[in-house]
Amino acid sequence: MAKVTLEDGYVPSENEPFMNERQREYFRRKLLTWKGEILREAQDTLTALQSENENHPDLADRASSETDRSIELRARDRQRKLTGKIDAALARLADGSYGYCEETGEPISLKRLDARPIATLSLEAQERHERRERVHRDD
């Protein structure tokens, strides 16, 4: 794959061909940066949890500490799942299916991809999906 250069401040535009090399490189970098941040945060959390091996004599302090720890671990678990979605988006970039709605095959808007680079559905398809979920949940 040829090296694609992106000038500083490049943002994909509707005025260029959809998912051209520059756009794919932009989203690849964005996804890799996001994943790197998540992994760094996870490592920081792990380090903090290992070093916070305090033995709180007060039951309230101990309970508070355990609650904080539980919340942090749940957040890290969500982040771990997110890295899986990022990896899946990177795989779609590699196979050429990135940026296209899984349901309709239509392009996902660049604004949506920029805001949610792991999106697999167009805004319209996502809204239909959420409406169906609400209907089934309310049954």
Protein backbone atom coordinates (compact mmCIF):
# COMPACT_ATOMS: atom_id res chain seq x y z
CA MET A 1 0.00 0.00 0.00
CA ALA A 2 1.40 3.38 -1.02
CA LYS A 3 2.18 5.85 1.74
CA VAL A 4 -0.57 8.46 1.89
CA THR A 5 0.36 11.85 3.27
CA LEU A 6 -2.20 13.96 5.06
CA GLU A 7 -1.58 17.63 5.62
CA ASP A 8 -2.14 18.94 9.14
CA GLY A 9 -5.76 19.75 9.73
CA TYR A 10 -7.05 17.50 6.94
CA VAL A 11 -10.69 16.58 7.41
CA PRO A 12 -12.57 14.37 4.93
CA SER A 13 -14.92 16.33 2.71
CA GLU A 14 -18.05 15.54 0.70
CA ASN A 15 -16.26 17.26 -2.24
CA GLU A 16 -13.91 14.31 -2.79
CA PRO A 17 -14.58 10.71 -3.78
CA PHE A 18 -16.03 8.69 -0.89
CA MET A 19 -13.48 6.52 0.94
CA ASN A 20 -10.58 7.55 -1.25
CA GLU A 21 -7.05 6.80 -0.04
CA ARG A 22 -6.78 10.02 1.97
CA GLN A 23 -10.08 9.41 3.76
CA ARG A 24 -9.17 5.81 4.53
CA GLU A 25 -5.80 6.92 5.92
CA TYR A 26 -7.50 9.66 7.97
CA PHE A 27 -9.87 7.15 9.59
CA ARG A 28 -7.11 4.55 10.02
CA ARG A 29 -5.02 7.07 11.96
CA LYS A 30 -8.04 8.24 13.95
CA LEU A 31 -8.90 4.65 14.95
CA LEU A 32 -5.30 3.77 15.83
CA THR A 33 -4.92 6.93 17.93
CA TRP A 34 -8.18 6.17 19.76
CA LYS A 35 -7.12 2.59 20.43
CA GLY A 36 -3.72 3.77 21.69
CA GLU A 37 -5.40 6.18 24.12
CA ILE A 38 -7.67 3.43 25.43
CA LEU A 39 -4.76 1.04 25.93
CA ARG A 40 -2.72 3.73 27.73
CA GLU A 41 -5.67 4.49 30.03
CA ALA A 42 -6.11 0.78 30.73
CA GLN A 43 -2.43 0.46 31.64
CA ASP A 44 -2.68 3.53 33.89
CA THR A 45 -5.73 2.01 35.60
CA LEU A 46 -3.96 -1.29 36.11
CA THR A 47 -0.94 0.46 37.59
CA ALA A 48 -3.15 2.56 39.88
CA LEU A 49 -5.14 -0.46 41.06
CA GLN A 50 -1.96 -2.41 41.79
CA SER A 51 -0.40 0.45 43.74
CA GLU A 52 -3.60 1.18 45.68
CA ASN A 53 -3.28 -1.85 47.84
CA GLU A 54 -4.35 0.10 50.88
CA ASN A 55 -5.82 -1.68 53.83
CA HIS A 56 -8.57 0.64 55.02
CA PRO A 57 -9.31 0.07 58.71
CA ASP A 58 -12.59 1.98 58.44
CA LEU A 59 -15.42 -0.05 56.88
CA ALA A 60 -16.89 2.98 55.11
CA ASP A 61 -13.52 3.84 53.55
CA ARG A 62 -13.05 0.23 52.47
CA ALA A 63 -16.54 0.09 50.94
CA SER A 64 -15.98 3.36 49.13
CA SER A 65 -12.65 2.13 47.80
CA GLU A 66 -14.22 -1.16 46.60
CA THR A 67 -17.03 0.75 44.88
CA ASP A 68 -14.54 3.02 43.11
CA ARG A 69 -12.54 -0.02 42.06
CA SER A 70 -15.64 -1.78 40.72
CA ILE A 71 -16.72 1.27 38.72
CA GLU A 72 -13.23 1.62 37.26
CA LEU A 73 -13.10 -2.05 36.29
CA ARG A 74 -16.52 -1.84 34.60
CA ALA A 75 -15.38 1.20 32.66
CA ARG A 76 -12.23 -0.64 31.57
CA ASP A 77 -14.34 -3.62 30.48
CA ARG A 78 -16.42 -1.31 28.26
CA GLN A 79 -13.17 0.11 26.87
CA ARG A 80 -11.89 -3.41 26.18
CA LYS A 81 -15.04 -4.14 24.18
CA LEU A 82 -14.54 -0.87 22.35
CA THR A 83 -11.05 -1.90 21.27
CA GLY A 84 -12.64 -4.95 19.65
CA LYS A 85 -14.95 -2.67 17.68
CA ILE A 86 -11.98 -0.52 16.70
CA ASP A 87 -10.14 -3.62 15.48
CA ALA A 88 -13.22 -4.62 13.47
CA ALA A 89 -13.34 -1.11 11.92
CA LEU A 90 -9.63 -1.39 11.02
CA ALA A 91 -10.36 -4.76 9.38
CA ARG A 92 -13.19 -3.17 7.38
CA LEU A 93 -10.77 -0.45 6.30
CA ALA A 94 -8.37 -3.14 5.10
CA ASP A 95 -11.04 -5.08 3.18
CA GLY A 96 -12.69 -1.99 1.65
CA SER A 97 -16.06 -2.25 3.40
CA TYR A 98 -15.39 0.57 5.90
CA GLY A 99 -17.76 3.52 5.65
CA TYR A 100 -20.62 1.57 4.12
CA CYS A 101 -23.79 0.68 6.01
CA GLU A 102 -23.98 -3.01 6.90
CA GLU A 103 -27.75 -2.94 6.40
CA THR A 104 -28.18 -0.95 3.19
CA GLY A 105 -24.72 -0.87 1.62
CA GLU A 106 -25.04 2.91 1.27
CA PRO A 107 -22.20 5.21 2.36
CA ILE A 108 -22.30 6.35 6.00
CA SER A 109 -22.00 10.12 6.20
CA LEU A 110 -18.50 11.47 6.82
CA LYS A 111 -19.81 13.55 9.73
CA ARG A 112 -21.16 10.39 11.39
CA LEU A 113 -17.92 8.50 10.79
CA ASP A 114 -15.87 11.39 12.13
CA ALA A 115 -18.01 11.50 15.29
CA ARG A 116 -18.28 7.69 15.63
CA PRO A 117 -15.52 6.05 13.58
CA ILE A 118 -16.69 2.56 14.56
CA ALA A 119 -20.18 3.12 13.10
CA THR A 120 -21.46 0.24 11.00
CA LEU A 121 -24.89 1.67 10.19
CA SER A 122 -25.97 4.86 8.46
CA LEU A 123 -27.85 7.32 10.65
CA GLU A 124 -31.17 6.28 9.10
CA ALA A 125 -30.48 2.57 9.58
CA GLN A 126 -29.33 3.20 13.16
CA GLU A 127 -32.54 5.11 13.92
CA ARG A 128 -34.65 2.26 12.45
CA HIS A 129 -32.68 -0.23 14.53
CA GLU A 130 -33.23 1.81 17.72
CA ARG A 131 -36.96 2.19 16.98
CA ARG A 132 -37.28 -1.60 16.54
CA GLU A 133 -35.42 -2.14 19.82
CA ARG A 134 -37.77 0.26 21.64
CA VAL A 135 -40.83 -1.48 20.21
CA HIS A 136 -39.60 -4.92 21.25
CA ARG A 137 -38.46 -3.68 24.65
CA ASP A 138 -41.87 -2.10 25.30
CA ASP A 139 -43.75 -5.33 24.45
